[in-house]
Amino acid sequence: MSKESRDYLEMSFRSVRLFADDGTFSHANLQEIIDIALRDGVVDANEKRVLQNIIGRLTDEEMTREVKAKLESLKIQLG
């Protein structure tokens, strides 16, 4: 029996801390969350849900070219 990954919990807590820090989310912040999702080599449904939630909360100001490029790369990577 495989153990369910709890990385999505770390992703959630980290995103709350990052949003609360200065109220914004940078490319580096997004990369930090993505790295947690990718560290076991599998992005499961819970991790995808957390990522979608984070992306849904990004403001227009946070959606810089760099962030948009990272999101497009992630979309391709996840299929």
PDB file of N, CA and C in Angstrom:
ATOM      1  N   MET A   1       0.842  -1.180   0.000  1.00  0.00           N
ATOM      2  CA  MET A   1       0.000   0.000   0.000  1.00  0.00           C
ATOM      3  C   MET A   1       0.885   1.241   0.000  1.00  0.00           C
ATOM      4  N   SER A   2       0.664   2.139  -0.937  1.00  0.00           N
ATOM      5  CA  SER A   2       1.479   3.340  -1.020  1.00  0.00           C
ATOM      6  C   SER A   2       0.947   4.418  -0.077  1.00  0.00           C
ATOM      7  N   LYS A   3       1.883   5.176   0.433  1.00  0.00           N
ATOM      8  CA  LYS A   3       1.542   6.247   1.366  1.00  0.00           C
ATOM      9  C   LYS A   3       1.185   7.498   0.562  1.00  0.00           C
ATOM     10  N   GLU A   4       0.067   8.120   0.909  1.00  0.00           N
ATOM     11  CA  GLU A   4      -0.362   9.339   0.219  1.00  0.00           C
ATOM     12  C   GLU A   4       0.606  10.477   0.529  1.00  0.00           C
ATOM     13  N   SER A   5       0.981  11.193  -0.504  1.00  0.00           N
ATOM     14  CA  SER A   5       1.852  12.347  -0.339  1.00  0.00           C
ATOM     15  C   SER A   5       1.116  13.441   0.411  1.00  0.00           C
ATOM     16  N   ARG A   6       1.817  14.077   1.312  1.00  0.00           N
ATOM     17  CA  ARG A   6       1.238  15.186   2.063  1.00  0.00           C
ATOM     18  C   ARG A   6       1.896  16.501   1.648  1.00  0.00           C
ATOM     19  N   ASP A   7       2.594  16.469   0.524  1.00  0.00           N
ATOM     20  CA  ASP A   7       3.246  17.677   0.028  1.00  0.00           C
ATOM     21  C   ASP A   7       2.242  18.800  -0.198  1.00  0.00           C
ATOM     22  N   TYR A   8       1.021  18.453  -0.568  1.00  0.00           N
ATOM     23  CA  TYR A   8       0.024  19.488  -0.821  1.00  0.00           C
ATOM     24  C   TYR A   8      -0.247  20.320   0.428  1.00  0.00           C
ATOM     25  N   LEU A   9      -0.106  19.701   1.607  1.00  0.00           N
ATOM     26  CA  LEU A   9      -0.285  20.455   2.853  1.00  0.00           C
ATOM     27  C   LEU A   9       0.836  21.473   3.025  1.00  0.00           C
ATOM     28  N   GLU A  10       2.066  21.041   2.750  1.00  0.00           N
ATOM     29  CA  GLU A  10       3.201  21.964   2.828  1.00  0.00           C
ATOM     30  C   GLU A  10       3.038  23.090   1.816  1.00  0.00           C
ATOM     31  N   MET A  11       2.570  22.737   0.613  1.00  0.00           N
ATOM     32  CA  MET A  11       2.343  23.758  -0.413  1.00  0.00           C
ATOM     33  C   MET A  11       1.321  24.779   0.069  1.00  0.00           C
ATOM     34  N   SER A  12       0.255  24.309   0.676  1.00  0.00           N
ATOM     35  CA  SER A  12      -0.805  25.194   1.164  1.00  0.00           C
ATOM     36  C   SER A  12      -0.287  26.116   2.251  1.00  0.00           C
ATOM     37  N   PHE A  13       0.396  25.541   3.240  1.00  0.00           N
ATOM     38  CA  PHE A  13       0.919  26.350   4.336  1.00  0.00           C
ATOM     39  C   PHE A  13       1.948  27.365   3.835  1.00  0.00           C
ATOM     40  N   ARG A  14       2.805  26.917   2.931  1.00  0.00           N
ATOM     41  CA  ARG A  14       3.832  27.819   2.394  1.00  0.00           C
ATOM     42  C   ARG A  14       3.193  28.952   1.612  1.00  0.00           C
ATOM     43  N   SER A  15       2.165  28.659   0.826  1.00  0.00           N
ATOM     44  CA  SER A  15       1.519  29.718   0.045  1.00  0.00           C
ATOM     45  C   SER A  15       0.834  30.734   0.952  1.00  0.00           C
ATOM     46  N   VAL A  16       0.224  30.271   2.030  1.00  0.00           N
ATOM     47  CA  VAL A  16      -0.404  31.200   2.979  1.00  0.00           C
ATOM     48  C   VAL A  16       0.661  32.121   3.553  1.00  0.00           C
ATOM     49  N   ARG A  17       1.790  31.550   3.949  1.00  0.00           N
ATOM     50  CA  ARG A  17       2.882  32.348   4.514  1.00  0.00           C
ATOM     51  C   ARG A  17       3.414  33.358   3.487  1.00  0.00           C
ATOM     52  N   LEU A  18       3.564  32.913   2.252  1.00  0.00           N
ATOM     53  CA  LEU A  18       4.090  33.797   1.218  1.00  0.00           C
ATOM     54  C   LEU A  18       3.119  34.924   0.888  1.00  0.00           C
ATOM     55  N   PHE A  19       1.835  34.600   0.759  1.00  0.00           N
ATOM     56  CA  PHE A  19       0.833  35.639   0.505  1.00  0.00           C
ATOM     57  C   PHE A  19       0.764  36.613   1.675  1.00  0.00           C
ATOM     58  N   ALA A  20       0.867  36.092   2.889  1.00  0.00           N
ATOM     59  CA  ALA A  20       0.744  36.931   4.081  1.00  0.00           C
ATOM     60  C   ALA A  20       1.975  37.806   4.291  1.00  0.00           C
ATOM     61  N   ASP A  21       3.107  37.365   3.773  1.00  0.00           N
ATOM     62  CA  ASP A  21       4.362  38.089   3.982  1.00  0.00           C
ATOM     63  C   ASP A  21       4.274  39.525   3.496  1.00  0.00           C
ATOM     64  N   ASP A  22       3.934  39.702   2.223  1.00  0.00           N
ATOM     65  CA  ASP A  22       3.813  41.069   1.702  1.00  0.00           C
ATOM     66  C   ASP A  22       2.574  41.262   0.833  1.00  0.00           C
ATOM     67  N   GLY A  23       1.715  40.260   0.824  1.00  0.00           N
ATOM     68  CA  GLY A  23       0.463  40.367   0.079  1.00  0.00           C
ATOM     69  C   GLY A  23       0.593  40.091  -1.403  1.00  0.00           C
ATOM     70  N   THR A  24       1.798  39.759  -1.855  1.00  0.00           N
ATOM     71  CA  THR A  24       1.999  39.467  -3.275  1.00  0.00           C
ATOM     72  C   THR A  24       2.691  38.116  -3.436  1.00  0.00           C
ATOM     73  N   PHE A  25       2.715  37.660  -4.660  1.00  0.00           N
ATOM     74  CA  PHE A  25       3.286  36.361  -4.990  1.00  0.00           C
ATOM     75  C   PHE A  25       4.171  36.548  -6.204  1.00  0.00           C
ATOM     76  N   SER A  26       5.457  36.299  -6.057  1.00  0.00           N
ATOM     77  CA  SER A  26       6.419  36.521  -7.137  1.00  0.00           C
ATOM     78  C   SER A  26       6.710  35.224  -7.896  1.00  0.00           C
ATOM     79  N   HIS A  27       7.488  35.360  -8.948  1.00  0.00           N
ATOM     80  CA  HIS A  27       7.942  34.201  -9.717  1.00  0.00           C
ATOM     81  C   HIS A  27       8.704  33.247  -8.802  1.00  0.00           C
ATOM     82  N   ALA A  28       9.562  33.787  -7.945  1.00  0.00           N
ATOM     83  CA  ALA A  28      10.343  32.954  -7.025  1.00  0.00           C
ATOM     84  C   ALA A  28       9.417  32.217  -6.050  1.00  0.00           C
ATOM     85  N   ASN A  29       8.379  32.892  -5.569  1.00  0.00           N
ATOM     86  CA  ASN A  29       7.415  32.252  -4.675  1.00  0.00           C
ATOM     87  C   ASN A  29       6.713  31.103  -5.380  1.00  0.00           C
ATOM     88  N   LEU A  30       6.296  31.339  -6.604  1.00  0.00           N
ATOM     89  CA  LEU A  30       5.618  30.306  -7.381  1.00  0.00           C
ATOM     90  C   LEU A  30       6.552  29.121  -7.605  1.00  0.00           C
ATOM     91  N   GLN A  31       7.806  29.404  -7.917  1.00  0.00           N
ATOM     92  CA  GLN A  31       8.772  28.336  -8.141  1.00  0.00           C
ATOM     93  C   GLN A  31       8.958  27.506  -6.877  1.00  0.00           C
ATOM     94  N   GLU A  32       8.968  28.152  -5.731  1.00  0.00           N
ATOM     95  CA  GLU A  32       9.107  27.456  -4.451  1.00  0.00           C
ATOM     96  C   GLU A  32       7.974  26.439  -4.256  1.00  0.00           C
ATOM     97  N   ILE A  33       6.764  26.846  -4.578  1.00  0.00           N
ATOM     98  CA  ILE A  33       5.605  25.963  -4.442  1.00  0.00           C
ATOM     99  C   ILE A  33       5.665  24.835  -5.469  1.00  0.00           C
ATOM    100  N   ILE A  34       6.041  25.166  -6.693  1.00  0.00           N
ATOM    101  CA  ILE A  34       6.150  24.153  -7.749  1.00  0.00           C
ATOM    102  C   ILE A  34       7.217  23.124  -7.386  1.00  0.00           C
ATOM    103  N   ASP A  35       8.329  23.583  -6.824  1.00  0.00           N
ATOM    104  CA  ASP A  35       9.399  22.663  -6.426  1.00  0.00           C
ATOM    105  C   ASP A  35       8.904  21.634  -5.411  1.00  0.00           C
ATOM    106  N   ILE A  36       8.058  22.063  -4.488  1.00  0.00           N
ATOM    107  CA  ILE A  36       7.492  21.124  -3.516  1.00  0.00           C
ATOM    108  C   ILE A  36       6.651  20.076  -4.242  1.00  0.00           C
ATOM    109  N   ALA A  37       5.839  20.529  -5.186  1.00  0.00           N
ATOM    110  CA  ALA A  37       4.974  19.603  -5.932  1.00  0.00           C
ATOM    111  C   ALA A  37       5.787  18.594  -6.742  1.00  0.00           C
ATOM    112  N   LEU A  38       6.914  19.023  -7.265  1.00  0.00           N
ATOM    113  CA  LEU A  38       7.705  18.175  -8.160  1.00  0.00           C
ATOM    114  C   LEU A  38       8.750  17.316  -7.453  1.00  0.00           C
ATOM    115  N   ARG A  39       9.010  17.540  -6.199  1.00  0.00           N
ATOM    116  CA  ARG A  39      10.150  16.879  -5.562  1.00  0.00           C
ATOM    117  C   ARG A  39      10.043  15.356  -5.497  1.00  0.00           C
ATOM    118  N   ASP A  40       8.836  14.801  -5.510  1.00  0.00           N
ATOM    119  CA  ASP A  40       8.715  13.340  -5.520  1.00  0.00           C
ATOM    120  C   ASP A  40       8.509  12.792  -6.927  1.00  0.00           C
ATOM    121  N   GLY A  41       8.542  13.681  -7.916  1.00  0.00           N
ATOM    122  CA  GLY A  41       8.434  13.258  -9.304  1.00  0.00           C
ATOM    123  C   GLY A  41       7.012  13.090  -9.808  1.00  0.00           C
ATOM    124  N   VAL A  42       6.032  13.281  -8.932  1.00  0.00           N
ATOM    125  CA  VAL A  42       4.628  13.121  -9.303  1.00  0.00           C
ATOM    126  C   VAL A  42       3.839  14.301  -8.757  1.00  0.00           C
ATOM    127  N   VAL A  43       3.033  14.906  -9.621  1.00  0.00           N
ATOM    128  CA  VAL A  43       2.126  15.960  -9.164  1.00  0.00           C
ATOM    129  C   VAL A  43       0.743  15.330  -9.100  1.00  0.00           C
ATOM    130  N   ASP A  44       0.320  15.039  -7.875  1.00  0.00           N
ATOM    131  CA  ASP A  44      -0.957  14.335  -7.705  1.00  0.00           C
ATOM    132  C   ASP A  44      -2.130  15.315  -7.732  1.00  0.00           C
ATOM    133  N   ALA A  45      -3.320  14.773  -7.626  1.00  0.00           N
ATOM    134  CA  ALA A  45      -4.540  15.583  -7.728  1.00  0.00           C
ATOM    135  C   ALA A  45      -4.606  16.665  -6.646  1.00  0.00           C
ATOM    136  N   ASN A  46      -4.175  16.346  -5.431  1.00  0.00           N
ATOM    137  CA  ASN A  46      -4.193  17.341  -4.361  1.00  0.00           C
ATOM    138  C   ASN A  46      -3.234  18.489  -4.653  1.00  0.00           C
ATOM    139  N   GLU A  47      -2.058  18.156  -5.151  1.00  0.00           N
ATOM    140  CA  GLU A  47      -1.072  19.196  -5.478  1.00  0.00           C
ATOM    141  C   GLU A  47      -1.575  20.061  -6.627  1.00  0.00           C
ATOM    142  N   LYS A  48      -2.204  19.451  -7.613  1.00  0.00           N
ATOM    143  CA  LYS A  48      -2.775  20.218  -8.720  1.00  0.00           C
ATOM    144  C   LYS A  48      -3.870  21.156  -8.219  1.00  0.00           C
ATOM    145  N   ARG A  49      -4.680  20.667  -7.301  1.00  0.00           N
ATOM    146  CA  ARG A  49      -5.758  21.492  -6.738  1.00  0.00           C
ATOM    147  C   ARG A  49      -5.176  22.707  -6.013  1.00  0.00           C
ATOM    148  N   VAL A  50      -4.122  22.489  -5.236  1.00  0.00           N
ATOM    149  CA  VAL A  50      -3.488  23.602  -4.517  1.00  0.00           C
ATOM    150  C   VAL A  50      -2.892  24.597  -5.514  1.00  0.00           C
ATOM    151  N   LEU A  51      -2.217  24.087  -6.538  1.00  0.00           N
ATOM    152  CA  LEU A  51      -1.645  24.970  -7.560  1.00  0.00           C
ATOM    153  C   LEU A  51      -2.734  25.790  -8.248  1.00  0.00           C
ATOM    154  N   GLN A  52      -3.833  25.157  -8.595  1.00  0.00           N
ATOM    155  CA  GLN A  52      -4.935  25.878  -9.246  1.00  0.00           C
ATOM    156  C   GLN A  52      -5.507  26.942  -8.329  1.00  0.00           C
ATOM    157  N   ASN A  53      -5.601  26.635  -7.047  1.00  0.00           N
ATOM    158  CA  ASN A  53      -6.102  27.602  -6.076  1.00  0.00           C
ATOM    159  C   ASN A  53      -5.172  28.811  -5.988  1.00  0.00           C
ATOM    160  N   ILE A  54      -3.877  28.551  -5.943  1.00  0.00           N
ATOM    161  CA  ILE A  54      -2.894  29.636  -5.878  1.00  0.00           C
ATOM    162  C   ILE A  54      -2.980  30.487  -7.137  1.00  0.00           C
ATOM    163  N   ILE A  55      -3.003  29.850  -8.285  1.00  0.00           N
ATOM    164  CA  ILE A  55      -3.051  30.569  -9.561  1.00  0.00           C
ATOM    165  C   ILE A  55      -4.320  31.413  -9.635  1.00  0.00           C
ATOM    166  N   GLY A  56      -5.420  30.883  -9.132  1.00  0.00           N
ATOM    167  CA  GLY A  56      -6.673  31.615  -9.135  1.00  0.00           C
ATOM    168  C   GLY A  56      -6.660  32.856  -8.253  1.00  0.00           C
ATOM    169  N   ARG A  57      -5.750  32.919  -7.316  1.00  0.00           N
ATOM    170  CA  ARG A  57      -5.653  34.062  -6.404  1.00  0.00           C
ATOM    171  C   ARG A  57      -4.657  35.129  -6.866  1.00  0.00           C
ATOM    172  N   LEU A  58      -3.903  34.826  -7.908  1.00  0.00           N
ATOM    173  CA  LEU A  58      -2.918  35.792  -8.386  1.00  0.00           C
ATOM    174  C   LEU A  58      -3.620  37.013  -8.991  1.00  0.00           C
ATOM    175  N   THR A  59      -3.106  38.170  -8.674  1.00  0.00           N
ATOM    176  CA  THR A  59      -3.659  39.407  -9.216  1.00  0.00           C
ATOM    177  C   THR A  59      -3.037  39.712 -10.567  1.00  0.00           C
ATOM    178  N   ASP A  60      -3.605  40.669 -11.276  1.00  0.00           N
ATOM    179  CA  ASP A  60      -3.041  41.082 -12.561  1.00  0.00           C
ATOM    180  C   ASP A  60      -1.600  41.560 -12.398  1.00  0.00           C
ATOM    181  N   GLU A  61      -1.312  42.251 -11.309  1.00  0.00           N
ATOM    182  CA  GLU A  61       0.041  42.759 -11.060  1.00  0.00           C
ATOM    183  C   GLU A  61       1.040  41.615 -10.854  1.00  0.00           C
ATOM    184  N   GLU A  62       0.572  40.536 -10.255  1.00  0.00           N
ATOM    185  CA  GLU A  62       1.446  39.387 -10.009  1.00  0.00           C
ATOM    186  C   GLU A  62       1.655  38.540 -11.263  1.00  0.00           C
ATOM    187  N   MET A  63       0.752  38.669 -12.213  1.00  0.00           N
ATOM    188  CA  MET A  63       0.840  37.887 -13.444  1.00  0.00           C
ATOM    189  C   MET A  63       1.795  38.566 -14.435  1.00  0.00           C
ATOM    190  N   THR A  64       3.038  38.645 -14.025  1.00  0.00           N
ATOM    191  CA  THR A  64       4.073  39.228 -14.880  1.00  0.00           C
ATOM    192  C   THR A  64       4.387  38.267 -16.025  1.00  0.00           C
ATOM    193  N   ARG A  65       5.153  38.741 -16.976  1.00  0.00           N
ATOM    194  CA  ARG A  65       5.574  37.869 -18.081  1.00  0.00           C
ATOM    195  C   ARG A  65       6.298  36.635 -17.556  1.00  0.00           C
ATOM    196  N   GLU A  66       7.128  36.843 -16.544  1.00  0.00           N
ATOM    197  CA  GLU A  66       7.899  35.755 -15.964  1.00  0.00           C
ATOM    198  C   GLU A  66       6.971  34.705 -15.335  1.00  0.00           C
ATOM    199  N   VAL A  67       5.976  35.163 -14.594  1.00  0.00           N
ATOM    200  CA  VAL A  67       5.025  34.248 -13.960  1.00  0.00           C
ATOM    201  C   VAL A  67       4.192  33.535 -15.027  1.00  0.00           C
ATOM    202  N   LYS A  68       3.734  34.268 -16.035  1.00  0.00           N
ATOM    203  CA  LYS A  68       2.959  33.645 -17.114  1.00  0.00           C
ATOM    204  C   LYS A  68       3.773  32.576 -17.837  1.00  0.00           C
ATOM    205  N   ALA A  69       5.058  32.842 -18.065  1.00  0.00           N
ATOM    206  CA  ALA A  69       5.927  31.866 -18.714  1.00  0.00           C
ATOM    207  C   ALA A  69       6.086  30.623 -17.843  1.00  0.00           C
ATOM    208  N   LYS A  70       6.235  30.821 -16.545  1.00  0.00           N
ATOM    209  CA  LYS A  70       6.366  29.693 -15.621  1.00  0.00           C
ATOM    210  C   LYS A  70       5.090  28.854 -15.614  1.00  0.00           C
ATOM    211  N   LEU A  71       3.947  29.513 -15.627  1.00  0.00           N
ATOM    212  CA  LEU A  71       2.673  28.796 -15.638  1.00  0.00           C
ATOM    213  C   LEU A  71       2.489  28.016 -16.933  1.00  0.00           C
ATOM    214  N   GLU A  72       2.880  28.607 -18.041  1.00  0.00           N
ATOM    215  CA  GLU A  72       2.778  27.908 -19.333  1.00  0.00           C
ATOM    216  C   GLU A  72       3.689  26.688 -19.347  1.00  0.00           C
ATOM    217  N   SER A  73       4.890  26.844 -18.817  1.00  0.00           N
ATOM    218  CA  SER A  73       5.832  25.721 -18.730  1.00  0.00           C
ATOM    219  C   SER A  73       5.257  24.611 -17.848  1.00  0.00           C
ATOM    220  N   LEU A  74       4.661  24.993 -16.741  1.00  0.00           N
ATOM    221  CA  LEU A  74       4.065  24.016 -15.830  1.00  0.00           C
ATOM    222  C   LEU A  74       2.899  23.299 -16.500  1.00  0.00           C
ATOM    223  N   LYS A  75       2.083  24.047 -17.235  1.00  0.00           N
ATOM    224  CA  LYS A  75       0.932  23.460 -17.945  1.00  0.00           C
ATOM    225  C   LYS A  75       1.405  22.398 -18.939  1.00  0.00           C
ATOM    226  N   ILE A  76       2.474  22.699 -19.656  1.00  0.00           N
ATOM    227  CA  ILE A  76       3.025  21.748 -20.622  1.00  0.00           C
ATOM    228  C   ILE A  76       3.595  20.533 -19.885  1.00  0.00           C
ATOM    229  N   GLN A  77       4.289  20.794 -18.787  1.00  0.00           N
ATOM    230  CA  GLN A  77       4.912  19.724 -18.014  1.00  0.00           C
ATOM    231  C   GLN A  77       3.870  18.774 -17.425  1.00  0.00           C
ATOM    232  N   LEU A  78       2.747  19.302 -16.994  1.00  0.00           N
ATOM    233  CA  LEU A  78       1.726  18.480 -16.359  1.00  0.00           C
ATOM    234  C   LEU A  78       0.747  17.857 -17.349  1.00  0.00           C
ATOM    235  N   GLY A  79       0.822  18.335 -18.583  1.00  0.00           N
ATOM    236  CA  GLY A  79      -0.025  17.746 -19.615  1.00  0.00           C
ATOM    237  C   GLY A  79      -1.360  18.320 -19.680  1.00  0.00           C
TER     238      GLY A  79
END
